[in-house]
Amino acid sequence: MSPTPLATQADLEAALQRSLDPAQAAMAIRRASARVRKYCRQQFTLVENETVTLPGNGRILRLPQRPVVVDDTHPLTVVELFGIADQEYTAIEGRDFTRIGSELTRGEAWWAPTRLMGWPFMRPQGIWAQRVRVTYSHGYAEVPDDVVDVVLDLAQMNMTNPQGLRSESIDDYQRTFASETIGGALLTADHKEALRVYRGRSFSVAPVT
């Protein structure tokens, strides 16, 4: 299933102050949303109870998607996996790790990371296992306005040059299109600066099916 677009046709029509062909508008918004998601490495829209396996072997485990949503209907489940057989140990927030935002810190601050204690036997306390399986919810109930603004700006570029033309001539009038509208609108430096706060880190994540 394709991710939910980060803006609507009504948003784009309001920005352009004109009616749009639904198919063209949907394509422009879908392509713009994909550009923003790829750059930020974030989904933005709410995803509930997604399960991923992350690399551990450190004190801090960073969940790839933000913001993390944890409440009565969106639990956070963290399971450490040990050995070839993936022996499991369920880590509990407040007992085995602390959480600030999307960062899960193993152990207590006053324990040396190499102190041996806990389960399994002789495992370094304060260090996550080699692999950690996390089930969590993430994203925004409403996409942030500054993200929507960038999506709409890219979609408008796509709508001004849907055929990807470099120029067109009508009688004595010739129009040259900006390079960023050719073959799909690209993020500008201003767009990237606006999205910088949302940009996530790049590392391998294995989804669990």
C-alpha atoms as a PDB file:
ATOM      1  CA  MET A   1       0.000   0.000   0.000  1.00  0.00           C
ATOM      2  CA  SER A   2       1.318   3.434  -0.943  1.00  0.00           C
ATOM      3  CA  PRO A   3       1.927   5.892   1.906  1.00  0.00           C
ATOM      4  CA  THR A   4      -0.713   8.542   2.519  1.00  0.00           C
ATOM      5  CA  PRO A   5       0.091  11.738   0.535  1.00  0.00           C
ATOM      6  CA  LEU A   6       1.413  14.597   2.657  1.00  0.00           C
ATOM      7  CA  ALA A   7      -1.045  17.132   1.179  1.00  0.00           C
ATOM      8  CA  THR A   8      -4.470  17.095  -0.470  1.00  0.00           C
ATOM      9  CA  GLN A   9      -5.879  18.251  -3.784  1.00  0.00           C
ATOM     10  CA  ALA A  10      -7.822  20.935  -1.892  1.00  0.00           C
ATOM     11  CA  ASP A  11      -4.533  22.227  -0.432  1.00  0.00           C
ATOM     12  CA  LEU A  12      -2.949  22.371  -3.881  1.00  0.00           C
ATOM     13  CA  GLU A  13      -5.965  24.073  -5.460  1.00  0.00           C
ATOM     14  CA  ALA A  14      -5.967  26.669  -2.682  1.00  0.00           C
ATOM     15  CA  ALA A  15      -2.256  27.321  -3.265  1.00  0.00           C
ATOM     16  CA  LEU A  16      -2.723  27.662  -7.036  1.00  0.00           C
ATOM     17  CA  GLN A  17      -6.125  29.372  -6.727  1.00  0.00           C
ATOM     18  CA  ARG A  18      -7.630  27.261  -9.499  1.00  0.00           C
ATOM     19  CA  SER A  19      -9.317  23.921 -10.051  1.00  0.00           C
ATOM     20  CA  LEU A  20      -7.169  20.976 -11.073  1.00  0.00           C
ATOM     21  CA  ASP A  21      -7.614  17.717 -12.889  1.00  0.00           C
ATOM     22  CA  PRO A  22      -7.842  15.126 -10.058  1.00  0.00           C
ATOM     23  CA  ALA A  23      -5.475  12.645 -11.720  1.00  0.00           C
ATOM     24  CA  GLN A  24      -2.797  15.277 -12.416  1.00  0.00           C
ATOM     25  CA  ALA A  25      -3.116  16.756  -8.929  1.00  0.00           C
ATOM     26  CA  ALA A  26      -2.849  13.331  -7.307  1.00  0.00           C
ATOM     27  CA  MET A  27       0.291  12.512  -9.316  1.00  0.00           C
ATOM     28  CA  ALA A  28       1.934  15.851  -8.518  1.00  0.00           C
ATOM     29  CA  ILE A  29       1.239  15.491  -4.794  1.00  0.00           C
ATOM     30  CA  ARG A  30       2.310  11.840  -4.723  1.00  0.00           C
ATOM     31  CA  ARG A  31       5.634  12.629  -6.405  1.00  0.00           C
ATOM     32  CA  ALA A  32       6.245  15.626  -4.152  1.00  0.00           C
ATOM     33  CA  SER A  33       5.433  13.578  -1.039  1.00  0.00           C
ATOM     34  CA  ALA A  34       7.855  10.863  -2.153  1.00  0.00           C
ATOM     35  CA  ARG A  35      10.645  13.432  -2.623  1.00  0.00           C
ATOM     36  CA  VAL A  36      10.130  14.819   0.882  1.00  0.00           C
ATOM     37  CA  ARG A  37       9.925  11.387   2.491  1.00  0.00           C
ATOM     38  CA  LYS A  38      13.059  10.189   0.714  1.00  0.00           C
ATOM     39  CA  TYR A  39      15.064  13.244   1.764  1.00  0.00           C
ATOM     40  CA  CYS A  40      13.888  13.236   5.386  1.00  0.00           C
ATOM     41  CA  ARG A  41      13.805   9.437   5.750  1.00  0.00           C
ATOM     42  CA  GLN A  42      10.562   9.927   7.656  1.00  0.00           C
ATOM     43  CA  GLN A  43       6.995   8.794   7.003  1.00  0.00           C
ATOM     44  CA  PHE A  44       5.348  11.779   8.798  1.00  0.00           C
ATOM     45  CA  THR A  45       1.845  10.291   8.724  1.00  0.00           C
ATOM     46  CA  LEU A  46       0.795   8.097  11.655  1.00  0.00           C
ATOM     47  CA  VAL A  47       1.902   4.454  11.413  1.00  0.00           C
ATOM     48  CA  GLU A  48       0.571   2.230  14.180  1.00  0.00           C
ATOM     49  CA  ASN A  49       2.335  -0.747  15.739  1.00  0.00           C
ATOM     50  CA  GLU A  50       5.100  -1.175  13.185  1.00  0.00           C
ATOM     51  CA  THR A  51       7.661  -3.889  13.956  1.00  0.00           C
ATOM     52  CA  VAL A  52      11.304  -3.477  12.917  1.00  0.00           C
ATOM     53  CA  THR A  53      14.572  -5.161  13.841  1.00  0.00           C
ATOM     54  CA  LEU A  54      17.399  -2.725  14.587  1.00  0.00           C
ATOM     55  CA  PRO A  55      21.148  -3.183  15.066  1.00  0.00           C
ATOM     56  CA  GLY A  56      22.173  -2.888  18.714  1.00  0.00           C
ATOM     57  CA  ASN A  57      25.604  -3.307  20.352  1.00  0.00           C
ATOM     58  CA  GLY A  58      25.526   0.202  21.826  1.00  0.00           C
ATOM     59  CA  ARG A  59      24.132   1.980  24.863  1.00  0.00           C
ATOM     60  CA  ILE A  60      21.668   4.148  22.889  1.00  0.00           C
ATOM     61  CA  LEU A  61      19.136   2.675  20.469  1.00  0.00           C
ATOM     62  CA  ARG A  62      17.650   5.277  18.117  1.00  0.00           C
ATOM     63  CA  LEU A  63      14.281   4.503  16.625  1.00  0.00           C
ATOM     64  CA  PRO A  64      14.324   5.475  12.933  1.00  0.00           C
ATOM     65  CA  GLN A  65      10.906   7.169  12.733  1.00  0.00           C
ATOM     66  CA  ARG A  66       9.743  10.193  14.715  1.00  0.00           C
ATOM     67  CA  PRO A  67       7.865  11.288  16.692  1.00  0.00           C
ATOM     68  CA  VAL A  68       7.384   8.124  18.728  1.00  0.00           C
ATOM     69  CA  VAL A  69       3.809   7.697  19.967  1.00  0.00           C
ATOM     70  CA  VAL A  70       3.410   5.806  23.245  1.00  0.00           C
ATOM     71  CA  ASP A  71       0.091   5.649  25.116  1.00  0.00           C
ATOM     72  CA  ASP A  72      -2.518   3.142  26.250  1.00  0.00           C
ATOM     73  CA  THR A  73      -3.449   2.212  22.673  1.00  0.00           C
ATOM     74  CA  HIS A  74       0.081   2.492  21.248  1.00  0.00           C
ATOM     75  CA  PRO A  75       2.420   0.414  23.434  1.00  0.00           C
ATOM     76  CA  LEU A  76       6.186   0.293  22.987  1.00  0.00           C
ATOM     77  CA  THR A  77       7.513  -3.275  22.933  1.00  0.00           C
ATOM     78  CA  VAL A  78      11.280  -3.851  22.949  1.00  0.00           C
ATOM     79  CA  VAL A  79      12.740  -7.369  22.654  1.00  0.00           C
ATOM     80  CA  GLU A  80      16.476  -8.111  22.638  1.00  0.00           C
ATOM     81  CA  LEU A  81      17.564 -11.043  20.445  1.00  0.00           C
ATOM     82  CA  PHE A  82      20.559 -13.175  21.428  1.00  0.00           C
ATOM     83  CA  GLY A  83      22.530 -15.811  19.543  1.00  0.00           C
ATOM     84  CA  ILE A  84      21.820 -17.748  16.388  1.00  0.00           C
ATOM     85  CA  ALA A  85      18.519 -18.989  17.825  1.00  0.00           C
ATOM     86  CA  ASP A  86      17.412 -15.437  18.640  1.00  0.00           C
ATOM     87  CA  GLN A  87      16.785 -16.134  22.308  1.00  0.00           C
ATOM     88  CA  GLU A  88      14.469 -13.334  23.460  1.00  0.00           C
ATOM     89  CA  TYR A  89      14.510 -10.976  26.420  1.00  0.00           C
ATOM     90  CA  THR A  90      11.775  -8.348  26.762  1.00  0.00           C
ATOM     91  CA  ALA A  91      13.231  -5.045  27.950  1.00  0.00           C
ATOM     92  CA  ILE A  92      10.927  -2.877  30.083  1.00  0.00           C
ATOM     93  CA  GLU A  93      10.980   0.922  30.043  1.00  0.00           C
ATOM     94  CA  GLY A  94      11.929   2.257  33.448  1.00  0.00           C
ATOM     95  CA  ARG A  95      13.575  -1.014  34.452  1.00  0.00           C
ATOM     96  CA  ASP A  96      15.939  -1.926  31.609  1.00  0.00           C
ATOM     97  CA  PHE A  97      16.048   1.316  29.640  1.00  0.00           C
ATOM     98  CA  THR A  98      15.001   4.940  29.717  1.00  0.00           C
ATOM     99  CA  ARG A  99      13.403   6.773  26.804  1.00  0.00           C
ATOM    100  CA  ILE A 100      13.759  10.381  25.693  1.00  0.00           C
ATOM    101  CA  GLY A 101      11.962  11.035  22.430  1.00  0.00           C
ATOM    102  CA  SER A 102      13.142   8.382  19.978  1.00  0.00           C
ATOM    103  CA  GLU A 103      16.270   7.396  21.943  1.00  0.00           C
ATOM    104  CA  LEU A 104      16.240   4.304  24.179  1.00  0.00           C
ATOM    105  CA  THR A 105      19.176   4.194  26.624  1.00  0.00           C
ATOM    106  CA  ARG A 106      20.036   0.789  28.088  1.00  0.00           C
ATOM    107  CA  GLY A 107      20.853   0.505  31.812  1.00  0.00           C
ATOM    108  CA  GLU A 108      21.362   3.161  34.435  1.00  0.00           C
ATOM    109  CA  ALA A 109      23.649   6.183  34.099  1.00  0.00           C
ATOM    110  CA  TRP A 110      25.771   5.152  37.081  1.00  0.00           C
ATOM    111  CA  TRP A 111      26.456   1.626  35.801  1.00  0.00           C
ATOM    112  CA  ALA A 112      29.625   1.168  33.818  1.00  0.00           C
ATOM    113  CA  PRO A 113      28.718  -0.167  30.341  1.00  0.00           C
ATOM    114  CA  THR A 114      31.079  -3.158  30.798  1.00  0.00           C
ATOM    115  CA  ARG A 115      29.752  -4.303  34.192  1.00  0.00           C
ATOM    116  CA  LEU A 116      28.550  -7.927  33.892  1.00  0.00           C
ATOM    117  CA  MET A 117      25.128  -8.601  35.375  1.00  0.00           C
ATOM    118  CA  GLY A 118      21.544  -9.313  34.403  1.00  0.00           C
ATOM    119  CA  TRP A 119      20.149 -11.782  31.855  1.00  0.00           C
ATOM    120  CA  PRO A 120      21.435 -13.596  29.887  1.00  0.00           C
ATOM    121  CA  PHE A 121      24.341 -14.672  32.078  1.00  0.00           C
ATOM    122  CA  MET A 122      27.526 -12.647  31.612  1.00  0.00           C
ATOM    123  CA  ARG A 123      25.871 -10.120  29.302  1.00  0.00           C
ATOM    124  CA  PRO A 124      27.303  -6.555  29.595  1.00  0.00           C
ATOM    125  CA  GLN A 125      24.711  -4.461  31.440  1.00  0.00           C
ATOM    126  CA  GLY A 126      24.063  -1.139  29.731  1.00  0.00           C
ATOM    127  CA  ILE A 127      24.665  -2.476  26.207  1.00  0.00           C
ATOM    128  CA  TRP A 128      21.854  -3.456  23.850  1.00  0.00           C
ATOM    129  CA  ALA A 129      21.984  -6.920  22.291  1.00  0.00           C
ATOM    130  CA  GLN A 130      23.305  -7.358  18.767  1.00  0.00           C
ATOM    131  CA  ARG A 131      19.738  -7.162  17.403  1.00  0.00           C
ATOM    132  CA  VAL A 132      16.681  -5.541  18.938  1.00  0.00           C
ATOM    133  CA  ARG A 133      13.107  -6.026  17.748  1.00  0.00           C
ATOM    134  CA  VAL A 134      10.891  -3.020  18.404  1.00  0.00           C
ATOM    135  CA  THR A 135       7.158  -2.625  17.900  1.00  0.00           C
ATOM    136  CA  TYR A 136       6.115   1.013  18.069  1.00  0.00           C
ATOM    137  CA  SER A 137       3.849   3.690  16.607  1.00  0.00           C
ATOM    138  CA  HIS A 138       5.166   6.877  15.063  1.00  0.00           C
ATOM    139  CA  GLY A 139       4.198   9.923  13.055  1.00  0.00           C
ATOM    140  CA  TYR A 140       1.910  12.929  13.278  1.00  0.00           C
ATOM    141  CA  ALA A 141      -1.870  12.976  13.526  1.00  0.00           C
ATOM    142  CA  GLU A 142      -1.591  16.034  11.247  1.00  0.00           C
ATOM    143  CA  VAL A 143       1.387  16.635   8.952  1.00  0.00           C
ATOM    144  CA  PRO A 144       3.323  19.742  10.130  1.00  0.00           C
ATOM    145  CA  ASP A 145       2.499  22.898   8.182  1.00  0.00           C
ATOM    146  CA  ASP A 146       6.087  23.529   7.080  1.00  0.00           C
ATOM    147  CA  VAL A 147       6.269  20.026   5.594  1.00  0.00           C
ATOM    148  CA  VAL A 148       2.970  20.580   3.767  1.00  0.00           C
ATOM    149  CA  ASP A 149       4.337  23.882   2.419  1.00  0.00           C
ATOM    150  CA  VAL A 150       7.335  22.137   0.852  1.00  0.00           C
ATOM    151  CA  VAL A 151       5.150  19.402  -0.635  1.00  0.00           C
ATOM    152  CA  LEU A 152       2.798  21.982  -2.154  1.00  0.00           C
ATOM    153  CA  ASP A 153       5.707  23.979  -3.553  1.00  0.00           C
ATOM    154  CA  LEU A 154       7.106  20.876  -5.257  1.00  0.00           C
ATOM    155  CA  ALA A 155       3.654  19.870  -6.490  1.00  0.00           C
ATOM    156  CA  GLN A 156       3.122  23.325  -7.989  1.00  0.00           C
ATOM    157  CA  MET A 157       6.408  22.958  -9.876  1.00  0.00           C
ATOM    158  CA  ASN A 158       5.202  19.623 -11.225  1.00  0.00           C
ATOM    159  CA  MET A 159       1.859  21.121 -12.243  1.00  0.00           C
ATOM    160  CA  THR A 160       3.471  23.993 -14.161  1.00  0.00           C
ATOM    161  CA  ASN A 161       5.392  21.547 -16.354  1.00  0.00           C
ATOM    162  CA  PRO A 162       3.633  18.163 -16.286  1.00  0.00           C
ATOM    163  CA  GLN A 163       5.175  16.998 -19.598  1.00  0.00           C
ATOM    164  CA  GLY A 164       8.732  17.750 -18.453  1.00  0.00           C
ATOM    165  CA  LEU A 165       9.359  20.249 -21.275  1.00  0.00           C
ATOM    166  CA  ARG A 166      12.450  22.412 -21.401  1.00  0.00           C
ATOM    167  CA  SER A 167      10.645  25.074 -23.425  1.00  0.00           C
ATOM    168  CA  GLU A 168       7.522  25.601 -25.479  1.00  0.00           C
ATOM    169  CA  SER A 169       6.600  28.042 -28.237  1.00  0.00           C
ATOM    170  CA  ILE A 170       3.178  29.464 -29.070  1.00  0.00           C
ATOM    171  CA  ASP A 171       3.273  31.779 -32.111  1.00  0.00           C
ATOM    172  CA  ASP A 172       5.832  34.457 -31.219  1.00  0.00           C
ATOM    173  CA  TYR A 173       5.825  33.565 -27.520  1.00  0.00           C
ATOM    174  CA  GLN A 174       8.464  31.213 -26.128  1.00  0.00           C
ATOM    175  CA  ARG A 175       8.521  29.940 -22.558  1.00  0.00           C
ATOM    176  CA  THR A 176      11.538  28.304 -20.871  1.00  0.00           C
ATOM    177  CA  PHE A 177      10.945  26.213 -17.774  1.00  0.00           C
ATOM    178  CA  ALA A 178      13.163  26.217 -14.696  1.00  0.00           C
ATOM    179  CA  SER A 179      15.486  23.218 -14.558  1.00  0.00           C
ATOM    180  CA  GLU A 180      13.958  21.936 -11.300  1.00  0.00           C
ATOM    181  CA  THR A 181      10.604  21.378 -13.020  1.00  0.00           C
ATOM    182  CA  ILE A 182      12.062  19.171 -15.757  1.00  0.00           C
ATOM    183  CA  GLY A 183      11.401  15.473 -15.165  1.00  0.00           C
ATOM    184  CA  GLY A 184       9.938  16.047 -11.697  1.00  0.00           C
ATOM    185  CA  ALA A 185      10.504  18.899  -9.274  1.00  0.00           C
ATOM    186  CA  LEU A 186      13.586  18.643  -7.078  1.00  0.00           C
ATOM    187  CA  LEU A 187      14.138  19.977  -3.577  1.00  0.00           C
ATOM    188  CA  THR A 188      15.853  23.353  -3.518  1.00  0.00           C
ATOM    189  CA  ALA A 189      18.331  24.551  -0.895  1.00  0.00           C
ATOM    190  CA  ASP A 190      15.503  26.463   0.821  1.00  0.00           C
ATOM    191  CA  HIS A 191      13.372  23.326   0.907  1.00  0.00           C
ATOM    192  CA  LYS A 192      16.185  21.320   2.471  1.00  0.00           C
ATOM    193  CA  GLU A 193      16.771  23.980   5.095  1.00  0.00           C
ATOM    194  CA  ALA A 194      13.074  23.957   5.992  1.00  0.00           C
ATOM    195  CA  LEU A 195      13.144  20.150   6.301  1.00  0.00           C
ATOM    196  CA  ARG A 196      16.469  19.892   8.125  1.00  0.00           C
ATOM    197  CA  VAL A 197      14.854  19.500  11.574  1.00  0.00           C
ATOM    198  CA  TYR A 198      12.900  16.464  10.333  1.00  0.00           C
ATOM    199  CA  ARG A 199      15.743  14.674   8.568  1.00  0.00           C
ATOM    200  CA  GLY A 200      16.520  11.292  10.116  1.00  0.00           C
ATOM    201  CA  ARG A 201      19.703   9.281  10.214  1.00  0.00           C
ATOM    202  CA  SER A 202      20.417   6.664   7.604  1.00  0.00           C
ATOM    203  CA  PHE A 203      20.966   3.100   8.791  1.00  0.00           C
ATOM    204  CA  SER A 204      19.737  -0.380   7.997  1.00  0.00           C
ATOM    205  CA  VAL A 205      16.308  -1.344   9.298  1.00  0.00           C
ATOM    206  CA  ALA A 206      14.841  -4.795   8.787  1.00  0.00           C
ATOM    207  CA  PRO A 207      11.024  -4.802   8.761  1.00  0.00           C
ATOM    208  CA  VAL A 208       9.335  -7.771  10.392  1.00  0.00           C
ATOM    209  CA  THR A 209       6.556  -9.304   8.339  1.00  0.00           C
END
